[in-house]
Amino acid sequence: MEKTSIKTNTTTKDKAGFTSAELEEKFLKIAKHTTKDSVFRDLFGNTKYLLELYQILHPEDADVTEEDLSIVTIKNILLDQMYNDLGFCVRDRLVILVEAQSTWSLNILVRGFLYLAQTWQEYIQETKQNVYKSKKIVIPKPELYVIYTGSRKNVPEWIFLSEEFFGGKSKFADLGIRVLSCGTEGDIIDQYIKFTRVFNDQVKIYGYTRKAVMETISICKDRNVLKEYLESREKEVVDIMSFLFDDEYIMRLYVEDKVQEAREEAEKELREEAKEAAKKAAKKASEEAAKKAERKNREMTQRLFSMGMEVQKIAEVIDVESSQVEKWIREVHNEKR
């Protein structure tokens, strides 16, 4: 595997006061961070609020308690790091929650498929079952949900892997995900979606700053949106969101730095190419000029020689060696033979 190198010799600082080497080092620390949390995971990682969510999804399970909930760690399959998704088991059910923020992507279906396979595999290993034996194994019944907090209208209530990726023609692999884009007024889903939208509004006003975080918390508490959670976890929420801002800011600076490096490298290459092209053009022009001058001198030599002028005199007139004059005279003589 190719290793990412850090350019320690780069000393020019960007507008934020970081050198390219410092930016790259900070970026690598972010990329290697395996425990980055989010308000989504922090909120629903609390079994109190997770139970509220489950009871919205399954009001018929009125006897389920917090003790019946078991949180499952969901990892990013491709990057081997924590992701902004959450899984939990309730008796014989496995529920996977995926948060889709501003960008709507049907790739959530693939993510869910991979999460499900991974979680089942871990469950089978933990319960010491063997998929290669004839006895049917026992696995929890899966339910996958997307909590969509973006502004897109007409979001479908359900999406299916087979329909979206295989035109509905594949019976060999399918997966359904229920999309939660709104809740009943005041329930935990409704409150979380409102929280994210207030936050997005504040970012538009204050940018990715601590001020945006504090205003979001203040507004939500005034509107009774996640008020209990924000009052009990305000410091943690501020730290979580500020950390994410720092990540985003550093990554944005890193990308800008890399774009600038690429631009400068491209300009350098163009200058080198232009310089080389100019050299070649100058050489070609010089060669063509020399050939043209020689042709003119050759014609003048023949004219002057036919008029009876001596070789030495011709050489002085056209400013070449007499041997060259003799050579041209011989060549013309041979051409006429």
C-alpha atoms as a PDB file:
ATOM      1  CA  MET A   1       0.000   0.000   0.000  1.00  0.00           C
ATOM      2  CA  GLU A   2       1.288   3.425  -0.899  1.00  0.00           C
ATOM      3  CA  LYS A   3       1.963   5.569   2.156  1.00  0.00           C
ATOM      4  CA  THR A   4       0.944   9.198   2.350  1.00  0.00           C
ATOM      5  CA  SER A   5       4.012  11.365   2.760  1.00  0.00           C
ATOM      6  CA  ILE A   6       4.196  14.585   4.716  1.00  0.00           C
ATOM      7  CA  LYS A   7       6.116  17.383   3.055  1.00  0.00           C
ATOM      8  CA  THR A   8       8.289  18.659   5.880  1.00  0.00           C
ATOM      9  CA  ASN A   9      10.163  21.088   3.681  1.00  0.00           C
ATOM     10  CA  THR A  10       7.118  23.220   2.879  1.00  0.00           C
ATOM     11  CA  THR A  11       7.229  26.390   4.943  1.00  0.00           C
ATOM     12  CA  THR A  12       4.858  28.762   3.129  1.00  0.00           C
ATOM     13  CA  LYS A  13       1.821  29.424   5.318  1.00  0.00           C
ATOM     14  CA  ASP A  14      -1.765  29.691   4.093  1.00  0.00           C
ATOM     15  CA  LYS A  15      -4.346  32.299   5.097  1.00  0.00           C
ATOM     16  CA  ALA A  16      -5.028  30.413   8.358  1.00  0.00           C
ATOM     17  CA  GLY A  17      -1.360  30.359   9.319  1.00  0.00           C
ATOM     18  CA  PHE A  18      -0.704  26.677   8.607  1.00  0.00           C
ATOM     19  CA  THR A  19       2.064  25.350   6.402  1.00  0.00           C
ATOM     20  CA  SER A  20       1.229  22.590   3.902  1.00  0.00           C
ATOM     21  CA  ALA A  21       3.052  20.098   6.130  1.00  0.00           C
ATOM     22  CA  GLU A  22       1.025  21.163   9.177  1.00  0.00           C
ATOM     23  CA  LEU A  23      -2.233  20.920   7.245  1.00  0.00           C
ATOM     24  CA  GLU A  24      -1.372  17.456   5.985  1.00  0.00           C
ATOM     25  CA  GLU A  25      -0.480  16.301   9.488  1.00  0.00           C
ATOM     26  CA  LYS A  26      -3.765  17.621  10.869  1.00  0.00           C
ATOM     27  CA  PHE A  27      -5.672  16.012   7.976  1.00  0.00           C
ATOM     28  CA  LEU A  28      -4.060  12.624   8.650  1.00  0.00           C
ATOM     29  CA  LYS A  29      -5.012  12.866  12.319  1.00  0.00           C
ATOM     30  CA  ILE A  30      -8.633  13.475  11.275  1.00  0.00           C
ATOM     31  CA  ALA A  31      -8.540  10.597   8.777  1.00  0.00           C
ATOM     32  CA  LYS A  32      -7.206   8.230  11.478  1.00  0.00           C
ATOM     33  CA  HIS A  33      -9.722   9.338  14.103  1.00  0.00           C
ATOM     34  CA  THR A  34     -11.772   6.262  15.006  1.00  0.00           C
ATOM     35  CA  THR A  35     -14.001   7.546  17.805  1.00  0.00           C
ATOM     36  CA  LYS A  36     -15.501  10.696  16.342  1.00  0.00           C
ATOM     37  CA  ASP A  37     -19.018  11.057  17.602  1.00  0.00           C
ATOM     38  CA  SER A  38     -21.978  13.172  16.583  1.00  0.00           C
ATOM     39  CA  VAL A  39     -25.088  14.575  18.209  1.00  0.00           C
ATOM     40  CA  PHE A  40     -27.041  11.853  16.389  1.00  0.00           C
ATOM     41  CA  ARG A  41     -25.007   9.077  17.998  1.00  0.00           C
ATOM     42  CA  ASP A  42     -24.810  10.844  21.348  1.00  0.00           C
ATOM     43  CA  LEU A  43     -28.578  11.400  21.505  1.00  0.00           C
ATOM     44  CA  PHE A  44     -29.706   7.970  20.391  1.00  0.00           C
ATOM     45  CA  GLY A  45     -26.779   6.301  22.147  1.00  0.00           C
ATOM     46  CA  ASN A  46     -28.686   7.181  25.303  1.00  0.00           C
ATOM     47  CA  THR A  47     -31.150   4.336  25.901  1.00  0.00           C
ATOM     48  CA  LYS A  48     -33.721   6.776  27.286  1.00  0.00           C
ATOM     49  CA  TYR A  49     -34.072   8.539  23.942  1.00  0.00           C
ATOM     50  CA  LEU A  50     -33.464   5.341  21.985  1.00  0.00           C
ATOM     51  CA  LEU A  51     -36.466   3.774  23.741  1.00  0.00           C
ATOM     52  CA  GLU A  52     -38.587   6.788  22.753  1.00  0.00           C
ATOM     53  CA  LEU A  53     -37.522   6.257  19.148  1.00  0.00           C
ATOM     54  CA  TYR A  54     -38.250   2.526  19.254  1.00  0.00           C
ATOM     55  CA  GLN A  55     -41.707   3.084  20.723  1.00  0.00           C
ATOM     56  CA  ILE A  56     -42.490   5.410  17.799  1.00  0.00           C
ATOM     57  CA  LEU A  57     -41.464   2.661  15.376  1.00  0.00           C
ATOM     58  CA  HIS A  58     -43.229  -0.095  17.351  1.00  0.00           C
ATOM     59  CA  PRO A  59     -46.014   1.315  19.536  1.00  0.00           C
ATOM     60  CA  GLU A  60     -47.343  -2.228  19.929  1.00  0.00           C
ATOM     61  CA  ASP A  61     -44.266  -3.140  22.026  1.00  0.00           C
ATOM     62  CA  ALA A  62     -45.447  -1.144  25.039  1.00  0.00           C
ATOM     63  CA  ASP A  63     -43.702  -3.463  27.510  1.00  0.00           C
ATOM     64  CA  VAL A  64     -40.178  -2.911  26.075  1.00  0.00           C
ATOM     65  CA  THR A  65     -37.873  -1.202  28.567  1.00  0.00           C
ATOM     66  CA  GLU A  66     -34.414   0.354  28.385  1.00  0.00           C
ATOM     67  CA  GLU A  67     -32.989  -2.928  29.698  1.00  0.00           C
ATOM     68  CA  ASP A  68     -34.257  -4.650  26.539  1.00  0.00           C
ATOM     69  CA  LEU A  69     -32.134  -2.383  24.338  1.00  0.00           C
ATOM     70  CA  SER A  70     -28.628  -3.436  23.403  1.00  0.00           C
ATOM     71  CA  ILE A  71     -26.590  -0.988  21.312  1.00  0.00           C
ATOM     72  CA  VAL A  72     -24.553  -2.496  18.485  1.00  0.00           C
ATOM     73  CA  THR A  73     -21.416  -0.787  17.216  1.00  0.00           C
ATOM     74  CA  ILE A  74     -21.736   0.118  13.538  1.00  0.00           C
ATOM     75  CA  LYS A  75     -18.457   0.688  11.715  1.00  0.00           C
ATOM     76  CA  ASN A  76     -17.671   2.176   8.346  1.00  0.00           C
ATOM     77  CA  ILE A  77     -16.909  -0.987   6.377  1.00  0.00           C
ATOM     78  CA  LEU A  78     -14.539   0.692   3.943  1.00  0.00           C
ATOM     79  CA  LEU A  79     -12.620   2.986   6.308  1.00  0.00           C
ATOM     80  CA  ASP A  80     -12.622   0.883   9.491  1.00  0.00           C
ATOM     81  CA  GLN A  81     -13.845   3.738  11.632  1.00  0.00           C
ATOM     82  CA  MET A  82     -16.942   4.804  13.539  1.00  0.00           C
ATOM     83  CA  TYR A  83     -19.608   6.265  11.324  1.00  0.00           C
ATOM     84  CA  ASN A  84     -22.616   8.450  11.950  1.00  0.00           C
ATOM     85  CA  ASP A  85     -24.938   5.444  12.168  1.00  0.00           C
ATOM     86  CA  LEU A  86     -26.307   3.407  15.043  1.00  0.00           C
ATOM     87  CA  GLY A  87     -27.558  -0.116  15.549  1.00  0.00           C
ATOM     88  CA  PHE A  88     -29.375  -1.767  18.432  1.00  0.00           C
ATOM     89  CA  CYS A  89     -31.053  -5.053  19.261  1.00  0.00           C
ATOM     90  CA  VAL A  90     -34.477  -5.334  20.863  1.00  0.00           C
ATOM     91  CA  ARG A  91     -35.315  -8.917  21.720  1.00  0.00           C
ATOM     92  CA  ASP A  92     -35.421 -10.662  18.323  1.00  0.00           C
ATOM     93  CA  ARG A  93     -35.042  -7.456  16.282  1.00  0.00           C
ATOM     94  CA  LEU A  94     -31.922  -5.794  14.914  1.00  0.00           C
ATOM     95  CA  VAL A  95     -32.567  -2.117  14.161  1.00  0.00           C
ATOM     96  CA  ILE A  96     -30.080  -0.072  12.139  1.00  0.00           C
ATOM     97  CA  LEU A  97     -30.411   3.721  12.087  1.00  0.00           C
ATOM     98  CA  VAL A  98     -28.677   5.743   9.394  1.00  0.00           C
ATOM     99  CA  GLU A  99     -28.622   9.531   9.397  1.00  0.00           C
ATOM    100  CA  ALA A 100     -28.799  11.214   5.998  1.00  0.00           C
ATOM    101  CA  GLN A 101     -28.064  14.912   6.348  1.00  0.00           C
ATOM    102  CA  SER A 102     -28.152  17.506   3.559  1.00  0.00           C
ATOM    103  CA  THR A 103     -27.186  15.124   0.749  1.00  0.00           C
ATOM    104  CA  TRP A 104     -29.673  12.471  -0.286  1.00  0.00           C
ATOM    105  CA  SER A 105     -28.017   9.377  -1.719  1.00  0.00           C
ATOM    106  CA  LEU A 106     -29.422   5.988  -2.640  1.00  0.00           C
ATOM    107  CA  ASN A 107     -26.022   4.564  -1.708  1.00  0.00           C
ATOM    108  CA  ILE A 108     -27.546   4.382   1.781  1.00  0.00           C
ATOM    109  CA  LEU A 109     -29.057   1.118   0.569  1.00  0.00           C
ATOM    110  CA  VAL A 110     -25.612  -0.352  -0.063  1.00  0.00           C
ATOM    111  CA  ARG A 111     -24.342   0.972   3.266  1.00  0.00           C
ATOM    112  CA  GLY A 112     -27.282  -0.643   5.017  1.00  0.00           C
ATOM    113  CA  PHE A 113     -26.702  -3.927   3.194  1.00  0.00           C
ATOM    114  CA  LEU A 114     -23.058  -3.990   4.283  1.00  0.00           C
ATOM    115  CA  TYR A 115     -23.908  -3.017   7.871  1.00  0.00           C
ATOM    116  CA  LEU A 116     -26.481  -5.772   8.076  1.00  0.00           C
ATOM    117  CA  ALA A 117     -24.088  -8.427   6.759  1.00  0.00           C
ATOM    118  CA  GLN A 118     -21.349  -7.279   9.139  1.00  0.00           C
ATOM    119  CA  THR A 119     -23.644  -7.156  12.164  1.00  0.00           C
ATOM    120  CA  TRP A 120     -25.100 -10.590  11.412  1.00  0.00           C
ATOM    121  CA  GLN A 121     -21.585 -11.993  11.067  1.00  0.00           C
ATOM    122  CA  GLU A 122     -20.572 -10.586  14.453  1.00  0.00           C
ATOM    123  CA  TYR A 123     -23.805 -11.862  16.019  1.00  0.00           C
ATOM    124  CA  ILE A 124     -23.205 -15.369  14.640  1.00  0.00           C
ATOM    125  CA  GLN A 125     -19.646 -15.353  16.010  1.00  0.00           C
ATOM    126  CA  GLU A 126     -20.709 -14.052  19.434  1.00  0.00           C
ATOM    127  CA  THR A 127     -23.472 -16.666  19.744  1.00  0.00           C
ATOM    128  CA  LYS A 128     -21.057 -19.386  18.513  1.00  0.00           C
ATOM    129  CA  GLN A 129     -23.296 -20.556  15.684  1.00  0.00           C
ATOM    130  CA  ASN A 130     -22.005 -22.301  12.577  1.00  0.00           C
ATOM    131  CA  VAL A 131     -23.382 -21.362   9.160  1.00  0.00           C
ATOM    132  CA  TYR A 132     -21.796 -24.474   7.614  1.00  0.00           C
ATOM    133  CA  LYS A 133     -23.821 -26.940   9.682  1.00  0.00           C
ATOM    134  CA  SER A 134     -27.187 -28.309   8.584  1.00  0.00           C
ATOM    135  CA  LYS A 135     -29.011 -26.820  11.567  1.00  0.00           C
ATOM    136  CA  LYS A 136     -30.628 -23.492  10.755  1.00  0.00           C
ATOM    137  CA  ILE A 137     -29.010 -20.657  12.667  1.00  0.00           C
ATOM    138  CA  VAL A 138     -30.949 -18.007  14.555  1.00  0.00           C
ATOM    139  CA  ILE A 139     -30.384 -14.362  13.614  1.00  0.00           C
ATOM    140  CA  PRO A 140     -32.233 -11.196  14.667  1.00  0.00           C
ATOM    141  CA  LYS A 141     -34.908  -9.870  12.326  1.00  0.00           C
ATOM    142  CA  PRO A 142     -33.516  -6.763  10.620  1.00  0.00           C
ATOM    143  CA  GLU A 143     -35.123  -3.339  10.347  1.00  0.00           C
ATOM    144  CA  LEU A 144     -33.317  -0.499   8.628  1.00  0.00           C
ATOM    145  CA  TYR A 145     -34.277   3.145   8.907  1.00  0.00           C
ATOM    146  CA  VAL A 146     -32.920   6.400   7.515  1.00  0.00           C
ATOM    147  CA  ILE A 147     -33.556   9.573   9.466  1.00  0.00           C
ATOM    148  CA  TYR A 148     -33.461  12.216   6.742  1.00  0.00           C
ATOM    149  CA  THR A 149     -32.818  15.749   8.003  1.00  0.00           C
ATOM    150  CA  GLY A 150     -32.270  17.513   4.679  1.00  0.00           C
ATOM    151  CA  SER A 151     -34.556  19.905   2.834  1.00  0.00           C
ATOM    152  CA  ARG A 152     -35.421  17.740  -0.163  1.00  0.00           C
ATOM    153  CA  LYS A 153     -39.138  17.471  -0.857  1.00  0.00           C
ATOM    154  CA  ASN A 154     -41.089  14.313  -1.756  1.00  0.00           C
ATOM    155  CA  VAL A 155     -38.695  11.914  -0.070  1.00  0.00           C
ATOM    156  CA  PRO A 156     -40.048   8.349  -0.469  1.00  0.00           C
ATOM    157  CA  GLU A 157     -41.240   6.506   2.629  1.00  0.00           C
ATOM    158  CA  TRP A 158     -39.499   3.314   1.481  1.00  0.00           C
ATOM    159  CA  ILE A 159     -36.526   2.594  -0.778  1.00  0.00           C
ATOM    160  CA  PHE A 160     -35.489  -0.841  -2.063  1.00  0.00           C
ATOM    161  CA  LEU A 161     -32.106  -2.099  -3.234  1.00  0.00           C
ATOM    162  CA  SER A 162     -33.563  -4.197  -6.052  1.00  0.00           C
ATOM    163  CA  GLU A 163     -35.663  -1.344  -7.454  1.00  0.00           C
ATOM    164  CA  GLU A 164     -33.034   1.380  -7.240  1.00  0.00           C
ATOM    165  CA  PHE A 165     -29.994  -0.607  -8.393  1.00  0.00           C
ATOM    166  CA  PHE A 166     -31.373  -3.451 -10.502  1.00  0.00           C
ATOM    167  CA  GLY A 167     -34.539  -1.997 -11.996  1.00  0.00           C
ATOM    168  CA  GLY A 168     -36.712  -4.203  -9.807  1.00  0.00           C
ATOM    169  CA  LYS A 169     -35.655  -7.241 -11.831  1.00  0.00           C
ATOM    170  CA  SER A 170     -33.381  -8.963  -9.308  1.00  0.00           C
ATOM    171  CA  LYS A 171     -34.816 -11.504  -6.900  1.00  0.00           C
ATOM    172  CA  PHE A 172     -31.382 -12.585  -5.748  1.00  0.00           C
ATOM    173  CA  ALA A 173     -30.640  -9.600  -3.520  1.00  0.00           C
ATOM    174  CA  ASP A 174     -32.989  -7.083  -1.980  1.00  0.00           C
ATOM    175  CA  LEU A 175     -33.180  -4.831   1.022  1.00  0.00           C
ATOM    176  CA  GLY A 176     -35.770  -2.317   2.115  1.00  0.00           C
ATOM    177  CA  ILE A 177     -35.124   0.828   4.144  1.00  0.00           C
ATOM    178  CA  ARG A 178     -37.846   2.966   5.673  1.00  0.00           C
ATOM    179  CA  VAL A 179     -37.183   6.706   5.412  1.00  0.00           C
ATOM    180  CA  LEU A 180     -38.123   8.864   8.405  1.00  0.00           C
ATOM    181  CA  SER A 181     -38.258  12.452   7.165  1.00  0.00           C
ATOM    182  CA  CYS A 182     -40.699  13.780   9.738  1.00  0.00           C
ATOM    183  CA  GLY A 183     -42.258  12.731  12.978  1.00  0.00           C
ATOM    184  CA  THR A 184     -45.366  13.441  14.955  1.00  0.00           C
ATOM    185  CA  GLU A 185     -45.250  16.920  16.491  1.00  0.00           C
ATOM    186  CA  GLY A 186     -43.062  16.821  19.586  1.00  0.00           C
ATOM    187  CA  ASP A 187     -41.804  13.236  19.364  1.00  0.00           C
ATOM    188  CA  ILE A 188     -38.082  12.480  19.441  1.00  0.00           C
ATOM    189  CA  ILE A 189     -37.780  12.131  15.648  1.00  0.00           C
ATOM    190  CA  ASP A 190     -39.586  15.426  15.066  1.00  0.00           C
ATOM    191  CA  GLN A 191     -37.387  17.160  17.659  1.00  0.00           C
ATOM    192  CA  TYR A 192     -34.131  15.839  16.236  1.00  0.00           C
ATOM    193  CA  ILE A 193     -35.035  16.892  12.686  1.00  0.00           C
ATOM    194  CA  LYS A 194     -36.020  20.355  13.972  1.00  0.00           C
ATOM    195  CA  PHE A 195     -32.711  20.584  15.847  1.00  0.00           C
ATOM    196  CA  THR A 196     -30.698  19.892  12.686  1.00  0.00           C
ATOM    197  CA  ARG A 197     -32.694  22.416  10.678  1.00  0.00           C
ATOM    198  CA  VAL A 198     -32.252  25.136  13.305  1.00  0.00           C
ATOM    199  CA  PHE A 199     -28.555  24.372  13.265  1.00  0.00           C
ATOM    200  CA  ASN A 200     -28.410  24.627   9.459  1.00  0.00           C
ATOM    201  CA  ASP A 201     -30.153  28.005   9.640  1.00  0.00           C
ATOM    202  CA  GLN A 202     -27.656  29.284  12.209  1.00  0.00           C
ATOM    203  CA  VAL A 203     -24.707  28.105  10.116  1.00  0.00           C
ATOM    204  CA  LYS A 204     -26.046  30.154   7.207  1.00  0.00           C
ATOM    205  CA  ILE A 205     -25.969  33.210   9.481  1.00  0.00           C
ATOM    206  CA  TYR A 206     -22.775  32.657  11.521  1.00  0.00           C
ATOM    207  CA  GLY A 207     -20.874  30.076   9.493  1.00  0.00           C
ATOM    208  CA  TYR A 208     -19.185  27.096  11.114  1.00  0.00           C
ATOM    209  CA  THR A 209     -18.499  28.838  14.396  1.00  0.00           C
ATOM    210  CA  ARG A 210     -19.083  28.348  18.101  1.00  0.00           C
ATOM    211  CA  LYS A 211     -21.639  31.158  17.860  1.00  0.00           C
ATOM    212  CA  ALA A 212     -23.754  29.009  15.512  1.00  0.00           C
ATOM    213  CA  VAL A 213     -23.618  26.137  18.021  1.00  0.00           C
ATOM    214  CA  MET A 214     -24.590  28.289  20.999  1.00  0.00           C
ATOM    215  CA  GLU A 215     -27.428  29.974  19.085  1.00  0.00           C
ATOM    216  CA  THR A 216     -28.744  26.563  17.986  1.00  0.00           C
ATOM    217  CA  ILE A 217     -28.794  25.288  21.564  1.00  0.00           C
ATOM    218  CA  SER A 218     -30.419  28.474  22.858  1.00  0.00           C
ATOM    219  CA  ILE A 219     -33.141  28.516  20.181  1.00  0.00           C
ATOM    220  CA  CYS A 220     -33.920  24.816  20.599  1.00  0.00           C
ATOM    221  CA  LYS A 221     -34.217  25.088  24.373  1.00  0.00           C
ATOM    222  CA  ASP A 222     -36.568  28.069  23.971  1.00  0.00           C
ATOM    223  CA  ARG A 223     -38.692  26.077  21.503  1.00  0.00           C
ATOM    224  CA  ASN A 224     -38.679  22.950  23.682  1.00  0.00           C
ATOM    225  CA  VAL A 225     -36.714  21.035  21.037  1.00  0.00           C
ATOM    226  CA  LEU A 226     -34.523  18.373  22.708  1.00  0.00           C
ATOM    227  CA  LYS A 227     -34.594  20.698  25.719  1.00  0.00           C
ATOM    228  CA  GLU A 228     -33.992  18.037  28.368  1.00  0.00           C
ATOM    229  CA  TYR A 229     -31.148  16.493  26.391  1.00  0.00           C
ATOM    230  CA  LEU A 230     -29.485  19.849  25.644  1.00  0.00           C
ATOM    231  CA  GLU A 231     -29.744  21.005  29.258  1.00  0.00           C
ATOM    232  CA  SER A 232     -28.163  17.819  30.569  1.00  0.00           C
ATOM    233  CA  ARG A 233     -25.542  17.469  27.809  1.00  0.00           C
ATOM    234  CA  GLU A 234     -24.892  21.062  26.732  1.00  0.00           C
ATOM    235  CA  LYS A 235     -21.120  20.987  27.279  1.00  0.00           C
ATOM    236  CA  GLU A 236     -20.808  17.636  25.468  1.00  0.00           C
ATOM    237  CA  VAL A 237     -22.950  18.856  22.566  1.00  0.00           C
ATOM    238  CA  VAL A 238     -20.840  22.010  22.209  1.00  0.00           C
ATOM    239  CA  ASP A 239     -17.642  19.934  22.297  1.00  0.00           C
ATOM    240  CA  ILE A 240     -18.993  17.425  19.757  1.00  0.00           C
ATOM    241  CA  MET A 241     -20.160  20.060  17.299  1.00  0.00           C
ATOM    242  CA  SER A 242     -17.039  22.206  17.729  1.00  0.00           C
ATOM    243  CA  PHE A 243     -14.849  19.176  17.083  1.00  0.00           C
ATOM    244  CA  LEU A 244     -16.765  18.454  13.896  1.00  0.00           C
ATOM    245  CA  PHE A 245     -16.332  22.089  12.863  1.00  0.00           C
ATOM    246  CA  ASP A 246     -12.592  21.840  13.473  1.00  0.00           C
ATOM    247  CA  ASP A 247     -12.495  18.719  11.314  1.00  0.00           C
ATOM    248  CA  GLU A 248     -14.463  20.358   8.533  1.00  0.00           C
ATOM    249  CA  TYR A 249     -12.413  23.555   8.705  1.00  0.00           C
ATOM    250  CA  ILE A 250      -9.081  21.720   8.608  1.00  0.00           C
ATOM    251  CA  MET A 251     -10.262  19.448   5.808  1.00  0.00           C
ATOM    252  CA  ARG A 252     -11.500  22.446   3.811  1.00  0.00           C
ATOM    253  CA  LEU A 253      -8.147  24.185   4.297  1.00  0.00           C
ATOM    254  CA  TYR A 254      -6.348  20.975   3.368  1.00  0.00           C
ATOM    255  CA  VAL A 255      -8.335  20.627   0.145  1.00  0.00           C
ATOM    256  CA  GLU A 256      -7.757  24.287  -0.719  1.00  0.00           C
ATOM    257  CA  ASP A 257      -4.042  23.821  -0.067  1.00  0.00           C
ATOM    258  CA  LYS A 258      -3.912  20.759  -2.313  1.00  0.00           C
ATOM    259  CA  VAL A 259      -5.845  22.573  -5.039  1.00  0.00           C
ATOM    260  CA  GLN A 260      -3.363  25.460  -4.835  1.00  0.00           C
ATOM    261  CA  GLU A 261      -0.426  23.025  -4.974  1.00  0.00           C
ATOM    262  CA  ALA A 262      -1.933  21.325  -8.026  1.00  0.00           C
ATOM    263  CA  ARG A 263      -2.529  24.705  -9.696  1.00  0.00           C
ATOM    264  CA  GLU A 264       1.055  25.829  -9.046  1.00  0.00           C
ATOM    265  CA  GLU A 265       2.422  22.504 -10.279  1.00  0.00           C
ATOM    266  CA  ALA A 266       0.305  22.735 -13.437  1.00  0.00           C
ATOM    267  CA  GLU A 267       1.489  26.300 -14.055  1.00  0.00           C
ATOM    268  CA  LYS A 268       5.099  25.207 -13.560  1.00  0.00           C
ATOM    269  CA  GLU A 269       4.654  22.353 -16.016  1.00  0.00           C
ATOM    270  CA  LEU A 270       3.068  24.711 -18.535  1.00  0.00           C
ATOM    271  CA  ARG A 271       5.962  27.138 -18.170  1.00  0.00           C
ATOM    272  CA  GLU A 272       8.459  24.311 -18.664  1.00  0.00           C
ATOM    273  CA  GLU A 273       6.533  23.039 -21.664  1.00  0.00           C
ATOM    274  CA  ALA A 274       6.347  26.555 -23.124  1.00  0.00           C
ATOM    275  CA  LYS A 275      10.064  27.060 -22.539  1.00  0.00           C
ATOM    276  CA  GLU A 276      10.879  23.745 -24.215  1.00  0.00           C
ATOM    277  CA  ALA A 277       8.520  24.516 -27.079  1.00  0.00           C
ATOM    278  CA  ALA A 278      10.179  27.926 -27.502  1.00  0.00           C
ATOM    279  CA  LYS A 279      13.603  26.285 -27.603  1.00  0.00           C
ATOM    280  CA  LYS A 280      12.475  23.831 -30.244  1.00  0.00           C
ATOM    281  CA  ALA A 281      10.803  26.581 -32.251  1.00  0.00           C
ATOM    282  CA  ALA A 282      13.933  28.770 -32.034  1.00  0.00           C
ATOM    283  CA  LYS A 283      16.139  25.878 -33.088  1.00  0.00           C
ATOM    284  CA  LYS A 284      13.876  25.047 -36.000  1.00  0.00           C
ATOM    285  CA  ALA A 285      13.715  28.706 -37.066  1.00  0.00           C
ATOM    286  CA  SER A 286      17.494  28.990 -36.808  1.00  0.00           C
ATOM    287  CA  GLU A 287      17.985  25.888 -38.924  1.00  0.00           C
ATOM    288  CA  GLU A 288      15.515  27.121 -41.524  1.00  0.00           C
ATOM    289  CA  ALA A 289      17.167  30.549 -41.573  1.00  0.00           C
ATOM    290  CA  ALA A 290      20.581  28.941 -42.020  1.00  0.00           C
ATOM    291  CA  LYS A 291      19.298  26.827 -44.906  1.00  0.00           C
ATOM    292  CA  LYS A 292      17.707  29.866 -46.537  1.00  0.00           C
ATOM    293  CA  ALA A 293      20.914  31.900 -46.116  1.00  0.00           C
ATOM    294  CA  GLU A 294      22.979  29.073 -47.577  1.00  0.00           C
ATOM    295  CA  ARG A 295      20.630  28.790 -50.546  1.00  0.00           C
ATOM    296  CA  LYS A 296      20.910  32.544 -51.183  1.00  0.00           C
ATOM    297  CA  ASN A 297      24.715  32.483 -50.845  1.00  0.00           C
ATOM    298  CA  ARG A 298      24.921  29.505 -53.172  1.00  0.00           C
ATOM    299  CA  GLU A 299      22.840  31.319 -55.794  1.00  0.00           C
ATOM    300  CA  MET A 300      24.981  34.478 -55.386  1.00  0.00           C
ATOM    301  CA  THR A 301      28.172  32.429 -55.711  1.00  0.00           C
ATOM    302  CA  GLN A 302      26.997  30.950 -59.010  1.00  0.00           C
ATOM    303  CA  ARG A 303      25.978  34.351 -60.344  1.00  0.00           C
ATOM    304  CA  LEU A 304      29.258  36.023 -59.421  1.00  0.00           C
ATOM    305  CA  PHE A 305      31.347  33.086 -60.685  1.00  0.00           C
ATOM    306  CA  SER A 306      29.514  33.160 -64.020  1.00  0.00           C
ATOM    307  CA  MET A 307      30.412  36.850 -64.243  1.00  0.00           C
ATOM    308  CA  GLY A 308      34.106  35.890 -63.960  1.00  0.00           C
ATOM    309  CA  MET A 309      34.744  36.872 -60.358  1.00  0.00           C
ATOM    310  CA  GLU A 310      37.528  34.914 -58.640  1.00  0.00           C
ATOM    311  CA  VAL A 311      36.771  32.455 -55.820  1.00  0.00           C
ATOM    312  CA  GLN A 312      38.653  34.459 -53.178  1.00  0.00           C
ATOM    313  CA  LYS A 313      36.814  37.634 -54.100  1.00  0.00           C
ATOM    314  CA  ILE A 314      33.440  35.876 -53.986  1.00  0.00           C
ATOM    315  CA  ALA A 315      34.284  34.541 -50.530  1.00  0.00           C
ATOM    316  CA  GLU A 316      35.017  38.063 -49.314  1.00  0.00           C
ATOM    317  CA  VAL A 317      31.788  39.458 -50.796  1.00  0.00           C
ATOM    318  CA  ILE A 318      29.436  36.910 -49.233  1.00  0.00           C
ATOM    319  CA  ASP A 319      31.603  36.468 -46.117  1.00  0.00           C
ATOM    320  CA  VAL A 320      32.265  32.718 -46.208  1.00  0.00           C
ATOM    321  CA  GLU A 321      35.356  30.544 -46.462  1.00  0.00           C
ATOM    322  CA  SER A 322      36.795  30.166 -49.952  1.00  0.00           C
ATOM    323  CA  SER A 323      36.585  26.388 -49.576  1.00  0.00           C
ATOM    324  CA  GLN A 324      32.819  26.702 -49.172  1.00  0.00           C
ATOM    325  CA  VAL A 325      32.661  28.800 -52.376  1.00  0.00           C
ATOM    326  CA  GLU A 326      34.640  26.124 -54.246  1.00  0.00           C
ATOM    327  CA  LYS A 327      32.314  23.439 -52.911  1.00  0.00           C
ATOM    328  CA  TRP A 328      29.222  25.271 -54.146  1.00  0.00           C
ATOM    329  CA  ILE A 329      30.780  25.861 -57.561  1.00  0.00           C
ATOM    330  CA  ARG A 330      31.571  22.131 -57.874  1.00  0.00           C
ATOM    331  CA  GLU A 331      28.043  21.155 -56.812  1.00  0.00           C
ATOM    332  CA  VAL A 332      26.478  23.453 -59.433  1.00  0.00           C
ATOM    333  CA  HIS A 333      28.890  22.179 -62.063  1.00  0.00           C
ATOM    334  CA  ASN A 334      28.018  18.553 -61.227  1.00  0.00           C
ATOM    335  CA  GLU A 335      24.292  19.328 -61.323  1.00  0.00           C
ATOM    336  CA  LYS A 336      24.634  20.708 -64.860  1.00  0.00           C
ATOM    337  CA  ARG A 337      26.454  17.626 -66.142  1.00  0.00           C
END
